[in-house]
N, C-alpha and C. Protein backbone atom coordinates (compact mmCIF):
# COMPACT_ATOMS: atom_id res chain seq x y z
N UNK A 1 0.75 -1.29 0.15
CA UNK A 1 0.01 0.13 0.17
C UNK A 1 0.51 1.46 -0.05
N UNK A 2 0.49 1.83 -0.80
CA UNK A 2 1.07 3.65 -0.61
C UNK A 2 0.25 4.70 -0.09
N UNK A 3 0.33 5.25 0.56
CA UNK A 3 -0.32 6.05 1.48
C UNK A 3 0.17 7.44 1.40
N UNK A 4 -0.68 8.63 0.89
CA UNK A 4 -0.40 9.81 0.81
C UNK A 4 -1.06 11.15 1.98
N UNK A 5 0.01 11.82 2.32
CA UNK A 5 -0.23 12.49 3.37
C UNK A 5 -0.78 14.25 2.78
N UNK A 6 -1.41 14.69 2.76
CA UNK A 6 -1.65 15.75 1.89
C UNK A 6 -2.04 16.97 2.83
N UNK A 7 -1.18 18.00 2.89
CA UNK A 7 -1.52 19.05 3.73
C UNK A 7 -2.38 20.27 3.30
N UNK A 8 -3.34 20.93 3.95
CA UNK A 8 -3.92 21.65 2.46
C UNK A 8 -4.24 23.07 3.40
N UNK A 9 -3.66 24.14 2.84
CA UNK A 9 -4.11 25.28 3.49
C UNK A 9 -5.16 26.35 2.50
N UNK A 10 -6.61 25.92 2.97
CA UNK A 10 -7.60 26.41 2.42
C UNK A 10 -7.40 28.32 2.54
N UNK A 11 -7.93 29.40 1.57
CA UNK A 11 -8.28 30.44 1.32
C UNK A 11 -9.47 30.46 2.71
N UNK A 12 -9.05 31.72 3.34
CA UNK A 12 -10.21 32.01 4.77
C UNK A 12 -11.78 31.79 4.39
N UNK A 13 -12.13 31.19 5.27
CA UNK A 13 -14.09 31.16 4.81
C UNK A 13 -14.49 30.05 4.04
N UNK A 14 -13.35 29.59 3.64
CA UNK A 14 -13.87 28.13 2.20
C UNK A 14 -13.81 26.93 2.59
N UNK A 15 -13.52 26.64 3.91
CA UNK A 15 -14.29 25.10 4.81
C UNK A 15 -15.14 24.99 3.94
N UNK A 16 -16.44 25.13 4.04
CA UNK A 16 -17.80 24.63 3.69
C UNK A 16 -17.53 24.36 2.17
N UNK A 17 -17.00 25.61 1.60
CA UNK A 17 -17.14 25.16 0.09
C UNK A 17 -16.33 24.44 -0.21
N UNK A 18 -15.02 24.24 0.32
CA UNK A 18 -13.97 23.15 -0.01
C UNK A 18 -14.86 21.73 0.52
N UNK A 19 -15.26 21.61 1.23
CA UNK A 19 -15.93 19.99 1.80
C UNK A 19 -16.78 19.71 1.04
N UNK A 20 -17.43 20.55 0.52
CA UNK A 20 -18.96 20.37 -0.42
C UNK A 20 -17.96 19.96 -1.51
N UNK A 21 -17.44 20.79 -2.50
CA UNK A 21 -16.37 20.27 -3.40
C UNK A 21 -15.87 18.93 -3.56
N UNK A 22 -15.10 18.34 -2.30
CA UNK A 22 -14.63 17.22 -2.29
C UNK A 22 -15.47 16.31 -2.54
N UNK A 23 -16.58 16.23 -1.97
CA UNK A 23 -17.43 15.17 -1.45
C UNK A 23 -17.86 14.92 -3.07
N UNK A 24 -18.29 16.38 -3.82
CA UNK A 24 -18.93 15.73 -5.34
C UNK A 24 -18.22 15.54 -6.08
N UNK A 25 -16.97 16.20 -5.72
CA UNK A 25 -16.26 15.68 -7.07
C UNK A 25 -14.99 15.01 -6.72
N UNK A 26 -14.06 15.35 -5.89
CA UNK A 26 -12.79 14.81 -5.73
C UNK A 26 -12.55 13.45 -5.22
N UNK A 27 -13.80 13.44 -4.07
CA UNK A 27 -13.31 12.03 -3.77
C UNK A 27 -14.29 10.93 -4.59
N UNK A 28 -15.18 10.74 -5.54
CA UNK A 28 -15.31 9.95 -6.40
C UNK A 28 -14.50 9.16 -7.26
N UNK A 29 -13.79 10.56 -7.48
CA UNK A 29 -12.66 10.31 -8.88
C UNK A 29 -11.77 9.74 -8.26
N UNK A 30 -11.05 9.93 -6.65
CA UNK A 30 -9.94 9.25 -5.93
C UNK A 30 -10.37 7.74 -5.80
N UNK A 31 -11.81 7.13 -5.61
CA UNK A 31 -12.10 6.06 -5.93
C UNK A 31 -12.55 5.42 -7.18
N UNK A 32 -12.33 5.69 -7.97
CA UNK A 32 -12.61 5.13 -9.38
C UNK A 32 -11.18 4.81 -9.51
N UNK A 33 -10.00 5.30 -9.54
CA UNK A 33 -8.59 5.20 -9.39
C UNK A 33 -7.92 4.11 -7.88
N UNK A 34 -8.72 3.91 -7.20
CA UNK A 34 -8.60 3.11 -6.34
C UNK A 34 -8.18 3.23 -5.03
N UNK A 35 -8.39 4.34 -4.68
CA UNK A 35 -8.01 5.18 -3.71
C UNK A 35 -9.18 5.18 -2.73
N UNK A 36 -8.54 5.55 -1.37
CA UNK A 36 -9.06 5.31 -0.04
C UNK A 36 -8.79 6.37 0.65
N UNK A 37 -9.57 7.60 1.05
CA UNK A 37 -9.69 8.25 2.03
C UNK A 37 -9.64 8.12 3.29
N UNK A 38 -8.43 8.03 4.20
CA UNK A 38 -8.88 7.47 5.56
C UNK A 38 -9.15 8.63 6.70
N UNK A 39 -8.93 9.84 6.13
CA UNK A 39 -9.12 11.09 7.41
C UNK A 39 -9.67 12.51 6.33
N UNK A 40 -10.12 13.20 6.67
CA UNK A 40 -9.50 14.96 6.27
C UNK A 40 -9.92 14.94 7.78
N UNK A 41 -9.00 15.91 8.11
CA UNK A 41 -9.10 16.82 9.47
C UNK A 41 -8.85 18.05 9.46
N UNK A 42 -9.36 19.01 9.94
CA UNK A 42 -9.34 20.37 10.67
C UNK A 42 -8.50 20.54 11.68
N UNK A 43 -7.84 21.79 11.86
CA UNK A 43 -7.44 22.21 13.00
C UNK A 43 -7.98 22.71 14.28
N UNK A 44 -8.19 22.29 15.55
CA UNK A 44 -9.19 22.75 16.71
C UNK A 44 -7.74 23.19 17.16
N UNK A 45 -6.74 22.71 17.30
CA UNK A 45 -5.80 23.81 18.87
C UNK A 45 -4.23 23.63 18.27
N UNK A 46 -3.99 25.11 18.35
CA UNK A 46 -2.61 25.25 17.45
C UNK A 46 -2.58 25.60 16.41
N UNK A 47 -3.29 25.07 15.06
CA UNK A 47 -3.40 26.07 13.50
C UNK A 47 -4.97 26.42 13.66
N UNK A 48 -4.83 27.57 12.47
CA UNK A 48 -6.34 27.92 12.18
C UNK A 48 -7.16 26.52 11.50
N UNK A 49 -8.23 26.79 11.52
CA UNK A 49 -9.27 25.84 11.26
C UNK A 49 -9.27 25.88 9.94
N UNK A 50 -8.69 26.66 8.72
CA UNK A 50 -8.35 26.42 7.48
C UNK A 50 -6.97 25.41 7.32
N UNK A 51 -6.58 25.18 8.30
CA UNK A 51 -5.59 24.01 8.01
C UNK A 51 -5.61 22.69 7.95
N UNK A 52 -5.66 22.11 6.92
CA UNK A 52 -6.14 20.60 6.66
C UNK A 52 -5.28 19.35 6.53
N UNK A 53 -5.29 18.05 7.02
CA UNK A 53 -4.69 17.04 6.88
C UNK A 53 -5.54 16.00 6.47
N UNK A 54 -5.06 15.55 5.25
CA UNK A 54 -5.98 14.37 4.92
C UNK A 54 -4.95 13.24 4.11
N UNK A 55 -5.23 12.30 4.90
CA UNK A 55 -4.30 10.77 4.57
C UNK A 55 -5.28 10.03 3.94
N UNK A 56 -4.48 10.00 2.54
CA UNK A 56 -5.35 8.48 1.78
C UNK A 56 -4.89 7.52 1.27
N UNK A 57 -5.17 6.45 0.94
CA UNK A 57 -4.18 5.14 0.45
C UNK A 57 -4.59 4.24 -0.67
N UNK A 58 -3.45 4.15 -1.21
CA UNK A 58 -3.55 3.24 -3.02
C UNK A 58 -2.94 2.07 -2.53
N UNK A 59 -3.61 0.91 -3.29
CA UNK A 59 -2.93 0.00 -3.76
C UNK A 59 -1.20 0.07 -4.07
N UNK A 60 -1.02 0.76 -5.19
CA UNK A 60 0.36 0.65 -5.45
C UNK A 60 0.69 2.05 -6.03
N UNK A 61 2.31 2.62 -6.54
CA UNK A 61 2.67 3.90 -6.90
C UNK A 61 1.46 4.11 -8.27
N UNK A 62 1.39 3.59 -8.84
CA UNK A 62 0.43 3.75 -10.24
C UNK A 62 -0.79 3.85 -10.26
N UNK A 63 -1.75 3.65 -9.18
CA UNK A 63 -3.07 3.66 -8.67
C UNK A 63 -2.73 5.25 -8.35
N UNK A 64 -1.75 5.37 -7.32
CA UNK A 64 -1.83 7.09 -7.02
C UNK A 64 -1.39 8.16 -7.95
N UNK A 65 -0.80 7.87 -9.01
CA UNK A 65 -0.26 8.72 -9.72
C UNK A 65 -1.83 8.60 -10.78
N UNK A 66 -2.34 7.93 -10.72
CA UNK A 66 -3.89 8.13 -11.59
C UNK A 66 -4.89 8.82 -10.96
N UNK A 67 -4.73 8.50 -10.09
CA UNK A 67 -5.56 9.48 -8.62
C UNK A 67 -5.00 11.29 -8.76
N UNK A 68 -3.87 11.62 -9.14
CA UNK A 68 -3.73 13.15 -9.15
C UNK A 68 -4.77 13.64 -10.30
N UNK A 69 -5.12 13.19 -10.95
CA UNK A 69 -5.98 13.93 -12.19
C UNK A 69 -7.12 14.13 -11.43
N UNK A 70 -7.73 13.85 -9.95
CA UNK A 70 -8.87 14.57 -9.69
C UNK A 70 -8.45 15.84 -8.97
N UNK A 71 -7.34 16.41 -8.75
CA UNK A 71 -7.19 17.19 -8.21
C UNK A 71 -6.58 18.30 -9.07
N UNK A 72 -7.70 19.01 -9.75
CA UNK A 72 -7.43 19.64 -10.78
C UNK A 72 -7.84 21.16 -10.77
N UNK A 73 -7.79 21.97 -11.77
CA UNK A 73 -8.01 23.87 -10.93
C UNK A 73 -9.40 23.94 -10.69
N UNK A 74 -10.66 23.15 -10.85
CA UNK A 74 -11.49 23.87 -9.94
C UNK A 74 -11.20 23.64 -8.70
N UNK A 75 -10.53 23.30 -7.86
CA UNK A 75 -10.21 23.97 -6.32
C UNK A 75 -9.57 24.92 -6.05
N UNK A 76 -9.05 25.27 -6.93
CA UNK A 76 -8.38 26.49 -7.09
C UNK A 76 -8.98 27.47 -5.86
N UNK A 77 -10.04 27.94 -6.25
CA UNK A 77 -11.37 29.10 -5.37
C UNK A 77 -10.82 28.72 -4.06
N UNK A 78 -10.93 27.60 -3.91
CA UNK A 78 -11.01 27.08 -1.99
C UNK A 78 -9.51 27.31 -1.44
N UNK A 79 -8.65 26.83 -2.16
CA UNK A 79 -7.09 26.26 -1.74
C UNK A 79 -6.21 27.29 -1.95
N UNK A 80 -5.35 27.77 -0.80
CA UNK A 80 -4.50 28.88 -0.98
C UNK A 80 -2.68 27.84 -1.87
N UNK A 81 -2.32 26.86 -0.65
CA UNK A 81 -1.54 25.96 -0.86
C UNK A 81 -1.87 24.58 -0.50
N UNK A 82 -1.00 23.57 -1.04
CA UNK A 82 -1.06 22.18 -0.42
C UNK A 82 0.27 21.71 -0.74
N UNK A 83 1.11 20.55 -0.08
CA UNK A 83 1.71 19.91 0.53
C UNK A 83 1.40 18.72 0.34
N UNK A 84 2.35 18.09 -0.42
CA UNK A 84 2.04 16.61 -0.44
C UNK A 84 2.98 15.41 -0.38
N UNK A 85 3.14 14.30 0.34
CA UNK A 85 4.26 13.38 0.55
C UNK A 85 4.02 12.15 0.72
N UNK A 86 4.79 11.28 0.39
CA UNK A 86 3.86 9.39 0.28
C UNK A 86 4.59 8.60 1.56
N UNK A 87 3.92 8.08 2.35
CA UNK A 87 4.33 7.51 3.46
C UNK A 87 3.98 5.76 3.21
N UNK A 88 4.49 5.38 4.59
CA UNK A 88 4.84 3.44 4.29
C UNK A 88 4.12 3.54 5.86
N UNK A 89 2.74 2.60 5.89
CA UNK A 89 2.63 2.15 7.13
C UNK A 89 3.87 1.09 8.10
N UNK A 90 3.90 1.70 9.44
CA UNK A 90 5.40 0.88 10.02
C UNK A 90 4.63 -0.12 11.06
N UNK A 91 3.31 -0.45 11.13
CA UNK A 91 2.39 -1.57 12.03
C UNK A 91 1.14 -2.06 11.38
N UNK A 92 0.56 -2.49 12.50
CA UNK A 92 -0.51 -3.18 12.17
C UNK A 92 -1.80 -2.09 11.92
N UNK A 93 -1.84 -1.09 12.04
CA UNK A 93 -2.85 0.12 11.61
C UNK A 93 -2.10 1.21 10.45
N UNK A 94 -2.91 1.67 9.65
CA UNK A 94 -4.44 1.12 9.36
C UNK A 94 -4.67 0.25 9.24
N UNK A 95 -6.09 -0.72 9.80
CA UNK A 95 -6.42 -2.23 9.39
C UNK A 95 -6.71 -2.17 8.01
N UNK A 96 -6.50 -2.88 7.66
CA UNK A 96 -6.90 -3.38 6.03
C UNK A 96 -8.35 -2.93 5.66
N UNK A 97 -9.64 -3.03 6.79
CA UNK A 97 -10.62 -2.44 6.41
C UNK A 97 -10.38 -1.03 7.77
N UNK A 98 -11.31 -0.61 7.40
CA UNK A 98 -11.34 0.78 8.46
C UNK A 98 -13.02 1.14 8.73
N UNK A 99 -13.69 0.80 9.47
CA UNK A 99 -14.98 0.92 9.60
C UNK A 99 -15.43 1.87 10.49
N UNK A 100 -16.73 2.03 10.15
CA UNK A 100 -17.28 3.48 10.88
C UNK A 100 -16.83 3.37 12.80
N UNK A 101 -16.88 1.96 13.22
CA UNK A 101 -16.43 2.06 14.58
C UNK A 101 -14.77 2.18 14.85
N UNK A 102 -14.14 2.17 13.67
CA UNK A 102 -12.87 2.52 13.85
C UNK A 102 -12.63 3.97 14.00
N UNK A 103 -13.50 4.98 13.68
CA UNK A 103 -13.18 6.38 13.37
C UNK A 103 -13.67 6.79 14.96
N UNK A 104 -13.32 8.34 14.96
CA UNK A 104 -13.51 9.24 16.18
C UNK A 104 -13.79 10.52 15.53
N UNK A 105 -14.90 11.67 16.41
CA UNK A 105 -15.06 12.63 15.83
C UNK A 105 -13.40 13.60 15.98
N UNK A 106 -12.46 13.48 16.96
CA UNK A 106 -11.37 14.14 17.09
C UNK A 106 -9.96 13.12 17.00
N UNK A 107 -8.87 13.65 16.47
CA UNK A 107 -7.75 13.41 16.32
C UNK A 107 -6.45 13.80 17.10
N UNK A 108 -6.32 13.03 17.46
CA UNK A 108 -4.55 13.96 17.94
C UNK A 108 -3.43 13.57 16.91
N UNK A 109 -2.97 14.60 16.13
CA UNK A 109 -1.58 14.00 15.18
C UNK A 109 -0.80 14.83 15.41
N UNK A 110 0.33 13.15 16.00
CA UNK A 110 1.61 13.59 16.79
C UNK A 110 2.62 12.84 15.63
N UNK A 111 3.42 14.02 15.61
CA UNK A 111 4.41 13.97 14.74
C UNK A 111 5.85 13.63 15.99
N UNK A 112 6.69 12.46 15.54
CA UNK A 112 7.91 11.97 16.62
C UNK A 112 8.87 11.97 15.40
N UNK A 113 10.10 11.89 15.81
CA UNK A 113 11.63 12.43 15.47
C UNK A 113 12.45 11.13 16.30
N UNK A 114 13.17 10.43 15.30
CA UNK A 114 13.77 9.54 16.33
C UNK A 114 14.79 9.18 15.36
N UNK A 115 16.24 8.08 15.79
CA UNK A 115 16.88 7.37 14.49
C UNK A 115 15.98 6.66 14.28
N UNK A 116 16.74 6.46 12.56
CA UNK A 116 16.34 5.49 11.71
C UNK A 116 16.44 3.67 12.31
N UNK A 117 17.28 3.71 13.34
CA UNK A 117 17.61 2.30 13.99
C UNK A 117 16.72 2.04 14.86
N UNK A 118 15.77 3.01 15.26
CA UNK A 118 15.11 2.40 16.46
C UNK A 118 13.78 2.42 15.90
N UNK A 119 13.44 2.48 14.58
CA UNK A 119 11.75 2.44 14.12
C UNK A 119 11.43 1.05 14.53
N UNK A 120 11.68 -0.23 14.55
CA UNK A 120 11.65 -1.42 15.02
C UNK A 120 11.09 -1.44 16.69
N UNK A 121 12.20 -0.73 17.47
CA UNK A 121 11.88 -0.73 18.75
C UNK A 121 10.35 0.42 19.02
N UNK A 122 10.65 1.29 18.62
CA UNK A 122 9.51 2.46 18.50
C UNK A 122 8.21 1.80 18.45
N UNK A 123 8.07 1.24 17.12
CA UNK A 123 6.87 0.46 16.85
C UNK A 123 6.41 -0.53 18.09
N UNK A 124 7.46 -1.57 18.19
CA UNK A 124 7.09 -2.30 19.32
C UNK A 124 6.78 -1.46 21.02
N UNK A 125 7.00 -0.77 21.02
CA UNK A 125 6.85 0.24 22.68
C UNK A 125 5.35 0.75 21.88
N UNK A 126 5.08 1.21 21.18
CA UNK A 126 3.72 1.82 20.38
C UNK A 126 2.32 0.42 20.29
N UNK A 127 2.55 -0.26 19.60
CA UNK A 127 1.85 -1.37 19.18
C UNK A 127 1.38 -2.14 20.71
N UNK A 128 2.63 -2.72 20.99
CA UNK A 128 2.11 -3.64 22.29
C UNK A 128 2.71 -2.96 23.41
N UNK A 129 2.42 -1.78 23.54
CA UNK A 129 2.89 -1.76 25.09
C UNK A 129 1.62 -0.50 25.53
N UNK A 130 1.40 0.71 24.52
CA UNK A 130 0.93 1.99 24.40
C UNK A 130 -0.30 1.67 24.34
N UNK A 131 -0.42 1.15 22.81
CA UNK A 131 -2.17 1.38 22.40
C UNK A 131 -2.92 0.68 23.00
N UNK A 132 -2.90 -0.89 23.63
CA UNK A 132 -3.86 -1.40 24.44
C UNK A 132 -4.19 -0.55 25.75
N UNK A 133 -3.38 0.38 26.11
CA UNK A 133 -4.14 1.28 27.16
C UNK A 133 -4.74 2.01 26.56
N UNK A 134 -4.40 2.42 25.67
CA UNK A 134 -5.31 3.89 25.11
C UNK A 134 -6.33 3.54 24.21
N UNK A 135 -6.38 2.06 24.27
CA UNK A 135 -7.71 2.19 23.64
C UNK A 135 -8.62 1.30 24.46
N UNK A 136 -8.06 0.46 25.57
CA UNK A 136 -8.90 0.11 26.60
C UNK A 136 -9.64 1.36 27.31
N UNK A 137 -9.07 3.01 27.15
CA UNK A 137 -9.78 3.79 27.48
C UNK A 137 -10.38 4.28 26.73
N UNK A 138 -11.27 3.70 25.32
CA UNK A 138 -11.70 4.05 24.20
C UNK A 138 -11.20 4.98 23.13
N UNK A 139 -10.16 4.93 22.80
CA UNK A 139 -9.45 5.60 21.91
C UNK A 139 -9.67 4.66 20.76
N UNK A 140 -8.86 4.73 19.40
CA UNK A 140 -8.85 3.98 18.91
C UNK A 140 -7.54 5.13 17.74
N UNK A 141 -6.66 3.64 17.42
CA UNK A 141 -5.41 4.28 16.32
C UNK A 141 -5.80 4.13 15.49
N UNK A 142 -5.60 5.06 14.42
CA UNK A 142 -6.02 4.83 12.58
C UNK A 142 -4.90 4.43 12.29
N UNK A 143 -3.73 4.87 12.28
CA UNK A 143 -2.32 4.44 11.82
C UNK A 143 -0.89 5.00 12.09
N UNK A 144 -0.24 4.44 11.94
CA UNK A 144 1.56 4.47 12.00
C UNK A 144 2.22 4.75 10.96
N UNK A 145 2.67 5.95 10.55
CA UNK A 145 3.36 5.48 8.90
C UNK A 145 4.82 6.30 8.97
N UNK A 146 5.65 6.34 8.30
CA UNK A 146 6.84 7.04 8.20
C UNK A 146 6.88 7.47 6.89
N UNK A 147 7.63 8.29 6.39
CA UNK A 147 7.92 8.59 5.17
C UNK A 147 8.98 7.81 4.59
N UNK A 148 8.12 7.34 3.31
CA UNK A 148 8.74 6.45 2.38
C UNK A 148 10.75 6.69 2.28
N UNK A 149 11.16 7.99 2.40
CA UNK A 149 12.52 8.27 2.45
C UNK A 149 12.83 8.19 3.66
N UNK A 150 14.16 7.76 3.75
CA UNK A 150 15.01 7.22 5.05
C UNK A 150 15.54 8.52 5.36
N UNK A 151 15.37 9.00 6.68
CA UNK A 151 16.36 10.49 6.67
C UNK A 151 16.94 10.18 8.14
N UNK A 152 17.75 11.16 8.47
CA UNK A 152 18.18 11.23 9.92
C UNK A 152 17.95 12.49 10.36
N UNK A 153 16.87 12.69 11.19
CA UNK A 153 16.31 11.64 11.86
C UNK A 153 15.11 11.18 10.89
N UNK A 154 14.57 10.30 11.56
CA UNK A 154 13.30 9.62 10.52
C UNK A 154 12.16 10.16 11.10
N UNK A 155 11.32 10.78 10.54
CA UNK A 155 9.84 11.25 11.38
C UNK A 155 8.71 9.75 11.54
N UNK A 156 8.10 9.77 12.37
CA UNK A 156 6.87 8.82 12.88
C UNK A 156 5.32 9.87 12.86
N UNK A 157 4.50 9.53 11.55
CA UNK A 157 3.22 10.06 11.95
C UNK A 157 2.32 8.94 12.85
N UNK A 158 1.60 9.51 13.63
CA UNK A 158 0.49 9.05 14.46
C UNK A 158 -0.65 9.78 14.80
N UNK A 159 -1.57 8.52 14.09
CA UNK A 159 -2.97 9.44 14.11
C UNK A 159 -3.71 8.87 15.06
N UNK A 160 -4.36 9.48 16.41
CA UNK A 160 -5.13 8.36 17.25
C UNK A 160 -6.52 9.74 17.64
N UNK A 161 -7.29 8.69 17.49
CA UNK A 161 -9.09 9.07 17.79
C UNK A 161 -9.27 9.14 18.55
N UNK A 162 -10.03 9.96 19.37
CA UNK A 162 -10.73 10.58 20.44
C UNK A 162 -12.35 10.96 20.44
N UNK A 163 -13.14 10.77 21.33
CA UNK A 163 -14.41 11.19 21.17
C UNK A 163 -14.65 12.85 21.68
N UNK A 164 -13.45 13.71 22.29
CA UNK A 164 -13.30 14.87 22.33
C UNK A 164 -12.03 15.33 23.13
N UNK A 165 -12.15 16.82 23.08
CA UNK A 165 -10.82 17.05 23.83
C UNK A 165 -10.38 16.68 25.51
N UNK A 166 -11.90 16.35 26.05
CA UNK A 166 -11.77 15.86 27.55
C UNK A 166 -11.56 14.55 27.46
N UNK A 167 -11.76 13.75 26.22
CA UNK A 167 -11.10 12.49 26.21
C UNK A 167 -9.78 11.99 26.37
N UNK A 168 -9.38 12.97 25.22
CA UNK A 168 -7.83 12.71 25.07
C UNK A 168 -7.02 13.54 26.15
N UNK A 169 -7.87 14.05 27.18
CA UNK A 169 -6.74 14.57 28.43
C UNK A 169 -7.57 13.54 29.04
N UNK A 170 -8.13 12.38 29.66
CA UNK A 170 -8.67 11.29 30.17
C UNK A 170 -7.20 10.24 30.27
N UNK A 171 -6.87 10.13 28.82
CA UNK A 171 -6.12 9.33 28.44
C UNK A 171 -4.58 9.31 28.43
N UNK A 172 -4.42 10.96 28.93
CA UNK A 172 -2.82 11.15 29.37
C UNK A 172 -2.51 10.15 30.39
N UNK A 173 -1.41 10.19 30.52
CA UNK A 173 -0.43 9.09 31.56
C UNK A 173 -1.02 9.69 32.66
N UNK A 174 -1.13 8.77 34.05
CA UNK A 174 -1.57 9.75 35.26
C UNK A 174 -1.09 8.36 36.09
N UNK A 175 -0.71 8.74 37.79
CA UNK A 175 -0.43 8.17 38.69
C UNK A 175 -0.44 6.17 38.87
N UNK A 176 -2.30 6.29 38.68
CA UNK A 176 -2.62 4.97 38.69
C UNK A 176 -4.11 4.65 37.52
N UNK A 177 -4.00 3.40 37.19
CA UNK A 177 -4.69 2.82 36.35
C UNK A 177 -6.23 3.37 36.52
N UNK A 178 -6.73 3.95 35.25
CA UNK A 178 -8.36 4.29 35.17
C UNK A 178 -9.31 3.45 35.43
N UNK A 179 -10.18 3.61 35.78
CA UNK A 179 -11.36 2.82 35.65
C UNK A 179 -11.70 1.83 34.51
N UNK A 180 -11.68 0.38 34.65
CA UNK A 180 -11.44 0.11 33.28
C UNK A 180 -10.79 -0.57 32.52
N UNK A 181 -9.23 -0.17 33.02
CA UNK A 181 -8.25 -0.89 32.27
C UNK A 181 -7.12 -1.39 33.24
N UNK A 182 -7.31 -3.18 33.11
CA UNK A 182 -6.20 -3.86 33.77
C UNK A 182 -5.19 -3.67 34.68
N UNK A 183 -4.81 -3.63 35.29
CA UNK A 183 -3.47 -3.24 36.39
C UNK A 183 -2.14 -3.77 35.10
N UNK A 184 -2.07 -4.78 34.92
CA UNK A 184 -1.33 -5.76 34.07
C UNK A 184 -1.00 -4.70 32.54
N UNK A 185 -1.81 -4.38 32.03
CA UNK A 185 -2.44 -3.18 30.91
C UNK A 185 -1.59 -1.93 30.97
N UNK A 186 -1.75 -1.29 32.26
CA UNK A 186 -1.45 0.19 32.68
C UNK A 186 0.01 -0.35 33.01
N UNK A 187 0.04 -1.12 33.38
CA UNK A 187 1.55 -1.35 34.02
C UNK A 187 2.55 -1.46 32.73
N UNK A 188 1.96 -2.62 31.94
CA UNK A 188 3.01 -2.87 30.36
C UNK A 188 3.23 -1.40 29.85
N UNK A 189 2.02 -0.90 29.72
CA UNK A 189 1.88 0.63 28.97
C UNK A 189 2.75 1.86 29.53
N UNK A 190 2.89 1.60 30.72
CA UNK A 190 3.63 2.88 31.56
C UNK A 190 5.38 2.74 30.92
N UNK A 191 5.80 1.16 31.19
CA UNK A 191 6.61 0.66 30.89
C UNK A 191 7.59 1.43 29.09
N UNK A 192 6.08 1.14 28.43
CA UNK A 192 6.27 0.97 27.27
C UNK A 192 6.62 2.56 26.64
N UNK A 193 6.01 3.32 27.27
CA UNK A 193 5.78 4.92 27.15
C UNK A 193 7.51 5.27 27.47
N UNK A 194 7.62 4.58 28.68
CA UNK A 194 8.90 5.17 29.36
C UNK A 194 10.03 4.72 28.07
N UNK A 195 9.85 3.78 27.61
CA UNK A 195 11.01 3.29 26.62
C UNK A 195 11.16 3.89 25.61
N UNK A 196 9.73 4.33 24.52
CA UNK A 196 9.50 4.90 24.26
C UNK A 196 10.10 6.31 24.14
N UNK A 197 9.88 6.87 25.30
CA UNK A 197 10.21 8.21 25.03
C UNK A 197 11.53 8.55 24.95
N UNK A 198 12.57 7.41 25.51
CA UNK A 198 13.92 7.30 25.26
C UNK A 198 14.69 7.42 24.51
N UNK A 199 13.76 6.91 23.52
CA UNK A 199 14.17 7.31 21.80
C UNK A 199 13.94 7.95 21.18
N UNK A 200 12.68 8.73 21.95
CA UNK A 200 12.69 9.63 21.22
C UNK A 200 13.32 10.80 21.22
N UNK A 201 13.82 11.41 20.46
CA UNK A 201 14.58 13.01 20.10
C UNK A 201 13.74 14.28 20.08
N UNK A 202 12.65 14.49 19.33
CA UNK A 202 11.61 15.17 20.07
C UNK A 202 10.21 14.95 19.12
N UNK A 203 9.54 15.71 19.68
CA UNK A 203 7.86 14.98 19.72
C UNK A 203 7.14 16.13 19.66
N UNK A 204 5.86 16.43 18.98
CA UNK A 204 4.99 17.61 19.20
C UNK A 204 3.24 16.85 18.62
N UNK A 205 2.57 17.38 19.32
CA UNK A 205 1.05 17.12 19.17
C UNK A 205 -0.11 18.35 18.90
N UNK A 206 -0.94 18.53 17.62
CA UNK A 206 -1.88 18.90 17.81
C UNK A 206 -3.16 18.17 17.32
N UNK A 207 -4.73 18.87 18.28
CA UNK A 207 -5.28 18.29 18.33
C UNK A 207 -6.73 18.58 16.97
N UNK A 208 -7.03 17.63 16.57
CA UNK A 208 -7.81 18.25 15.10
C UNK A 208 -9.29 17.28 15.00
N UNK A 209 -10.53 18.08 14.51
CA UNK A 209 -11.16 17.54 14.24
C UNK A 209 -11.59 16.76 12.98
N UNK A 210 -12.11 15.33 12.94
CA UNK A 210 -12.19 14.98 11.30
C UNK A 210 -13.34 15.54 10.94
N UNK A 211 -13.49 15.73 9.84
CA UNK A 211 -14.43 16.20 8.78
C UNK A 211 -14.93 15.10 8.07
N UNK A 212 -16.46 14.89 8.21
CA UNK A 212 -17.20 14.00 7.35
C UNK A 212 -17.53 14.48 6.11
N UNK A 213 -16.49 13.70 5.13
CA UNK A 213 -16.40 14.33 3.68
C UNK A 213 -16.04 13.24 3.19
């Protein structure tokens, strides 16, 4: 699978018009080329609402190239600028089939920078240590990716879904296991978080809202 991360800066006040145009024109064209839009997110905290992040996937590079025809000049009244890069999944997420039950109205878009040599260890801490605890609290991991090209440091992109800002706060690390989370899951998750932190050079997160388009 090939994943596309598209960062879209809209002109002021054009979010609704962009959403309508995308739903009516762009998304069907992407689907005809084998593309699947996993999410379109708009900034809630940290950036203007006109700053969007969209992640899509394609069976291979050929299908991705065909899909680029969907992004024609008809979008120009809404879009100020765009930036696109290709990613590869590095874990069991995204799932092969993402159902409505897997989606959440809000997402934490977190970027990590680590040594390329630490990618496997980072995935192990995340997938088998931190995620079980987070999901036991009702969150849902959409995906974990890295750019196709290898760089030093290597960027890791994580999208985690939440029911709202308060839910995001509830999942932050606390001294004791919250109600509904088994002690073993909590303890293992705490060790994994510490291990992941040790190999992380830098990281930051922004909270975003999912657009149903």
